[in-house]
Amino acid sequence: MIASIALVSIFLTLGGGGDASWNSSSEGNGINIGVTVDGWESLGSNGGGNTQVSNPKPKPTTPPPPPLTCTVPSADMGTPTTQVDTNDPTSGTQLANCQPNEPAEPIVVTAEDFRRINLDGSGITINPENKDAVINLPLVAYTSADSQRTTITLLGTRVLVEATPIDYTWNWGDGSKPTSTEDPGRPYPSFDISHTYTATGTHSIALTTTWSGRFSINGGNTWQSINGTATTTDTAPPLTVVEKLPVLID
């Protein structure tokens, strides 16, 4: 028994300050002493003086969390930068729009987001300009086909949005059927978009423009389509339709 206790003492000393525990029991004429040191266990001695050491059991380890990567747009909508969070609290790394050990939420401009943007209308131009319309003579109208861009902020990120007109609906204000077209029209003498009033009166011409959209989070280097459309409505100043009779002059 003295030899067994000596072995236990030696084993604990060799443990190098690691975790250690021991237990003892007696069976018959011998004494069994079990010791666990840094994953090694079952050091024992039986009554015959034999000493046994079991196979080591490694301690379970928890792997560190994976690095967290985020793409952060630059302040001037230029090329974005990529940062990596090492999960080291002493590094002071702070990533915008990220949560520890979670991927960054993707930036998506929805149809609802698109419709909330205060887009400019495509405008209305009438020929002849600043004059009354004449019944039974065609009135020429046209609009702009130019795209427009604006910047919005989503989830703390600046997003560039581009809107492009794709459809135009003209309401002539006299109860006639509206004119729907993908053609923006052209100035006189083109009659691509025109309307003929058949009665005198005052009318307001309205134009509803439908816009498709796309967005970019890297200043326009790459684009993603917006799944939906937006509309704007322009109204021209009231238009007076008159009747003019021919006059013979000698």
Protein backbone atom coordinates (compact mmCIF):
# COMPACT_ATOMS: atom_id res chain seq x y z
CA MET A 1 0.00 0.00 0.00
CA ILE A 2 2.87 2.38 0.74
CA ALA A 3 4.24 1.73 -2.75
CA SER A 4 0.87 2.48 -4.32
CA ILE A 5 0.53 5.78 -2.48
CA ALA A 6 4.05 6.70 -3.58
CA LEU A 7 3.13 6.02 -7.17
CA VAL A 8 0.09 8.27 -6.83
CA SER A 9 2.27 11.05 -5.44
CA ILE A 10 4.74 10.69 -8.29
CA PHE A 11 1.99 10.70 -10.92
CA LEU A 12 0.41 13.87 -9.49
CA THR A 13 3.79 15.55 -9.48
CA LEU A 14 4.33 14.67 -13.16
CA GLY A 15 0.91 16.12 -14.00
CA GLY A 16 2.49 19.53 -14.25
CA GLY A 17 -0.26 21.45 -12.47
CA GLY A 18 -3.10 19.93 -14.55
CA ASP A 19 -6.47 18.81 -13.31
CA ALA A 20 -6.23 15.79 -11.05
CA SER A 21 -8.60 13.65 -8.98
CA TRP A 22 -8.28 10.33 -7.13
CA ASN A 23 -10.37 7.71 -5.44
CA SER A 24 -9.60 4.58 -3.47
CA SER A 25 -11.30 1.34 -2.57
CA SER A 26 -10.29 -1.88 -0.86
CA GLU A 27 -10.92 -5.34 -2.21
CA GLY A 28 -9.83 -8.31 -0.17
CA ASN A 29 -6.33 -7.84 1.06
CA GLY A 30 -5.40 -5.10 -1.40
CA ILE A 31 -6.11 -1.44 -1.95
CA ASN A 32 -7.06 0.06 -5.33
CA ILE A 33 -6.30 3.72 -5.93
CA GLY A 34 -7.64 5.43 -9.06
CA VAL A 35 -6.27 8.76 -10.24
CA THR A 36 -7.22 11.00 -13.18
CA VAL A 37 -4.64 13.56 -14.28
CA ASP A 38 -5.13 15.70 -17.40
CA GLY A 39 -7.19 13.05 -19.15
CA TRP A 40 -5.17 10.00 -17.97
CA GLU A 41 -7.10 7.85 -15.58
CA SER A 42 -7.20 4.59 -13.60
CA LEU A 43 -3.73 4.52 -12.09
CA GLY A 44 -4.09 1.75 -9.56
CA SER A 45 -2.37 -0.84 -7.49
CA ASN A 46 -3.79 -4.15 -6.38
CA GLY A 47 -2.75 -6.22 -3.48
CA GLY A 48 -0.09 -7.94 -5.55
CA GLY A 49 1.79 -4.69 -6.13
CA ASN A 50 0.88 -4.45 -9.79
CA THR A 51 0.29 -0.97 -11.20
CA GLN A 52 -2.01 -0.24 -14.17
CA VAL A 53 -2.49 2.89 -16.29
CA SER A 54 -5.44 3.13 -18.70
CA ASN A 55 -5.39 4.67 -22.20
CA PRO A 56 -5.61 8.47 -22.27
CA LYS A 57 -8.98 10.20 -22.88
CA PRO A 58 -8.47 13.55 -24.66
CA LYS A 59 -10.41 16.50 -23.36
CA PRO A 60 -13.25 17.65 -25.65
CA THR A 61 -12.50 20.94 -27.35
CA THR A 62 -14.88 23.52 -28.79
CA PRO A 63 -13.74 24.93 -32.15
CA PRO A 64 -13.56 28.72 -32.36
CA PRO A 65 -16.36 30.43 -34.28
CA PRO A 66 -15.61 31.01 -37.96
CA PRO A 67 -14.50 34.44 -39.14
CA LEU A 68 -17.27 36.81 -40.16
CA THR A 69 -16.94 38.61 -43.49
CA CYS A 70 -18.92 41.65 -44.59
CA THR A 71 -18.86 43.84 -47.69
CA VAL A 72 -19.01 47.48 -46.64
CA PRO A 73 -19.86 50.13 -49.27
CA SER A 74 -17.62 53.17 -49.34
CA ALA A 75 -19.00 56.53 -48.25
CA ASP A 76 -18.82 57.96 -51.77
CA MET A 77 -20.54 54.99 -53.46
CA GLY A 78 -17.20 53.82 -54.89
CA THR A 79 -15.68 50.35 -54.70
CA PRO A 80 -16.78 48.57 -51.49
CA THR A 81 -14.29 47.13 -49.04
CA THR A 82 -14.31 43.66 -47.47
CA GLN A 83 -13.61 43.35 -43.76
CA VAL A 84 -13.09 40.20 -41.68
CA ASP A 85 -14.11 39.93 -38.04
CA THR A 86 -11.65 37.60 -36.30
CA ASN A 87 -13.99 37.19 -33.31
CA ASP A 88 -11.18 38.57 -31.19
CA PRO A 89 -12.67 41.12 -28.75
CA THR A 90 -9.22 42.68 -28.30
CA SER A 91 -8.90 43.50 -32.01
CA GLY A 92 -11.55 46.16 -31.88
CA THR A 93 -12.93 45.09 -35.28
CA GLN A 94 -16.43 46.46 -35.82
CA LEU A 95 -18.35 45.40 -38.95
CA ALA A 96 -21.33 47.44 -40.12
CA ASN A 97 -24.60 45.55 -40.71
CA CYS A 98 -23.22 42.30 -39.21
CA GLN A 99 -24.04 40.26 -36.16
CA PRO A 100 -21.41 37.98 -34.53
CA ASN A 101 -21.31 34.52 -36.12
CA GLU A 102 -24.21 35.42 -38.47
CA PRO A 103 -24.07 36.31 -42.18
CA ALA A 104 -24.86 39.88 -43.17
CA GLU A 105 -28.45 40.47 -44.20
CA PRO A 106 -28.59 40.90 -47.98
CA ILE A 107 -29.52 44.33 -49.35
CA VAL A 108 -32.59 44.07 -51.60
CA VAL A 109 -34.71 46.91 -52.96
CA THR A 110 -38.28 45.57 -53.00
CA ALA A 111 -41.15 46.78 -55.16
CA GLU A 112 -42.54 48.54 -52.07
CA ASP A 113 -39.21 50.31 -51.52
CA PHE A 114 -39.19 51.33 -55.18
CA ARG A 115 -42.70 52.80 -55.04
CA ARG A 116 -41.82 54.84 -51.96
CA ILE A 117 -39.10 56.69 -53.86
CA ASN A 118 -40.16 60.17 -54.93
CA LEU A 119 -39.52 59.76 -58.67
CA ASP A 120 -39.89 62.65 -61.07
CA GLY A 121 -42.51 62.29 -63.78
CA SER A 122 -41.43 62.01 -67.41
CA GLY A 123 -43.15 65.31 -68.27
CA ILE A 124 -45.70 66.44 -70.87
CA THR A 125 -45.05 68.57 -73.92
CA ILE A 126 -47.90 69.65 -76.24
CA ASN A 127 -47.61 70.92 -79.84
CA PRO A 128 -48.53 73.55 -80.70
CA GLU A 129 -47.16 75.02 -77.47
CA ASN A 130 -48.96 77.77 -75.51
CA LYS A 131 -51.86 77.79 -77.97
CA ASP A 132 -55.44 76.63 -77.92
CA ALA A 133 -56.30 73.31 -79.48
CA VAL A 134 -58.64 73.32 -82.44
CA ILE A 135 -61.46 70.80 -82.81
CA ASN A 136 -61.04 68.21 -85.51
CA LEU A 137 -57.31 68.93 -85.80
CA PRO A 138 -54.76 66.51 -84.24
CA LEU A 139 -52.90 67.66 -81.16
CA VAL A 140 -49.33 66.31 -80.82
CA ALA A 141 -48.02 65.20 -77.42
CA TYR A 142 -44.74 63.63 -76.31
CA THR A 143 -42.67 62.93 -73.18
CA SER A 144 -39.12 62.04 -72.13
CA ALA A 145 -37.65 58.55 -72.32
CA ASP A 146 -34.71 59.42 -70.04
CA SER A 147 -33.81 57.28 -67.04
CA GLN A 148 -33.27 58.84 -63.63
CA ARG A 149 -31.13 57.91 -60.63
CA THR A 150 -31.43 58.53 -56.92
CA THR A 151 -29.75 57.29 -53.75
CA ILE A 152 -31.59 55.73 -50.82
CA THR A 153 -30.44 54.13 -47.55
CA LEU A 154 -31.36 50.55 -46.59
CA LEU A 155 -30.07 48.80 -43.45
CA GLY A 156 -27.54 51.59 -43.03
CA THR A 157 -26.19 51.10 -46.57
CA ARG A 158 -26.35 53.67 -49.37
CA VAL A 159 -28.06 52.15 -52.42
CA LEU A 160 -28.07 53.62 -55.93
CA VAL A 161 -31.44 53.17 -57.68
CA GLU A 162 -32.08 53.71 -61.40
CA ALA A 163 -35.60 54.03 -62.86
CA THR A 164 -36.34 53.68 -66.59
CA PRO A 165 -39.70 54.48 -68.23
CA ILE A 166 -41.25 51.48 -69.99
CA ASP A 167 -44.89 52.42 -70.61
CA TYR A 168 -46.97 55.59 -71.02
CA THR A 169 -50.72 56.06 -70.64
CA TRP A 170 -52.26 59.32 -71.89
CA ASN A 171 -55.61 60.52 -70.56
CA TRP A 172 -56.94 63.29 -72.81
CA GLY A 173 -59.52 64.60 -70.33
CA ASP A 174 -62.50 64.50 -72.71
CA GLY A 175 -63.88 61.08 -71.77
CA SER A 176 -62.24 59.32 -74.69
CA LYS A 177 -60.31 56.06 -74.35
CA PRO A 178 -56.79 56.59 -72.92
CA THR A 179 -53.80 55.94 -75.18
CA SER A 180 -51.32 53.36 -73.87
CA THR A 181 -47.99 52.97 -75.61
CA GLU A 182 -44.31 52.16 -75.09
CA ASP A 183 -43.41 55.05 -77.41
CA PRO A 184 -42.62 58.38 -75.70
CA GLY A 185 -43.52 60.27 -78.88
CA ARG A 186 -41.69 63.06 -80.72
CA PRO A 187 -42.27 66.74 -81.48
CA TYR A 188 -44.30 67.98 -84.44
CA PRO A 189 -44.27 67.22 -87.37
CA SER A 190 -44.29 63.68 -85.94
CA PHE A 191 -47.74 62.38 -85.03
CA ASP A 192 -46.57 59.30 -83.08
CA ILE A 193 -48.69 60.40 -80.11
CA SER A 194 -51.66 62.61 -81.03
CA HIS A 195 -55.30 63.20 -80.17
CA THR A 196 -58.17 64.92 -81.96
CA TYR A 197 -60.84 66.70 -79.94
CA THR A 198 -64.30 66.70 -81.45
CA ALA A 199 -65.93 69.31 -79.20
CA THR A 200 -65.00 72.60 -77.67
CA GLY A 201 -64.21 72.89 -73.97
CA THR A 202 -61.43 72.94 -71.42
CA HIS A 203 -59.56 69.73 -70.66
CA SER A 204 -56.57 68.59 -68.58
CA ILE A 205 -54.23 66.07 -70.16
CA ALA A 206 -52.66 63.58 -67.72
CA LEU A 207 -49.81 61.14 -68.32
CA THR A 208 -49.11 58.08 -66.19
CA THR A 209 -45.61 56.68 -66.70
CA THR A 210 -44.63 53.18 -65.58
CA TRP A 211 -41.01 52.68 -64.49
CA SER A 212 -38.85 49.59 -64.17
CA GLY A 213 -35.95 49.70 -61.74
CA ARG A 214 -32.60 48.30 -60.80
CA PHE A 215 -30.22 48.95 -57.91
CA SER A 216 -26.53 48.85 -57.05
CA ILE A 217 -24.69 48.75 -53.72
CA ASN A 218 -21.26 49.38 -55.25
CA GLY A 219 -21.74 52.65 -57.05
CA GLY A 220 -23.03 51.20 -60.31
CA ASN A 221 -20.34 48.58 -60.96
CA THR A 222 -22.92 45.78 -60.76
CA TRP A 223 -26.72 45.96 -60.85
CA GLN A 224 -29.66 43.90 -59.65
CA SER A 225 -33.19 44.18 -61.05
CA ILE A 226 -36.06 45.32 -58.85
CA ASN A 227 -38.93 42.85 -58.88
CA GLY A 228 -41.74 45.31 -59.50
CA THR A 229 -42.60 48.67 -61.06
CA ALA A 230 -43.43 52.19 -59.95
CA THR A 231 -45.65 54.85 -61.53
CA THR A 232 -45.69 58.64 -61.75
CA THR A 233 -48.45 60.96 -63.00
CA ASP A 234 -47.99 64.32 -64.71
CA THR A 235 -50.83 66.76 -65.40
CA ALA A 236 -50.57 69.50 -68.02
CA PRO A 237 -52.12 72.96 -67.52
CA PRO A 238 -55.77 73.16 -68.63
CA LEU A 239 -56.12 73.13 -72.39
CA THR A 240 -58.87 75.09 -74.20
CA VAL A 241 -60.32 73.51 -77.31
CA VAL A 242 -61.87 76.04 -79.70
CA GLU A 243 -63.58 76.05 -83.05
CA LYS A 244 -62.15 78.17 -85.81
CA LEU A 245 -64.05 78.94 -88.97
CA PRO A 246 -62.36 79.70 -92.28
CA VAL A 247 -62.65 83.26 -93.52
CA LEU A 248 -62.45 84.24 -97.14
CA ILE A 249 -60.39 87.35 -97.82
CA ASP A 250 -60.53 89.18 -101.12
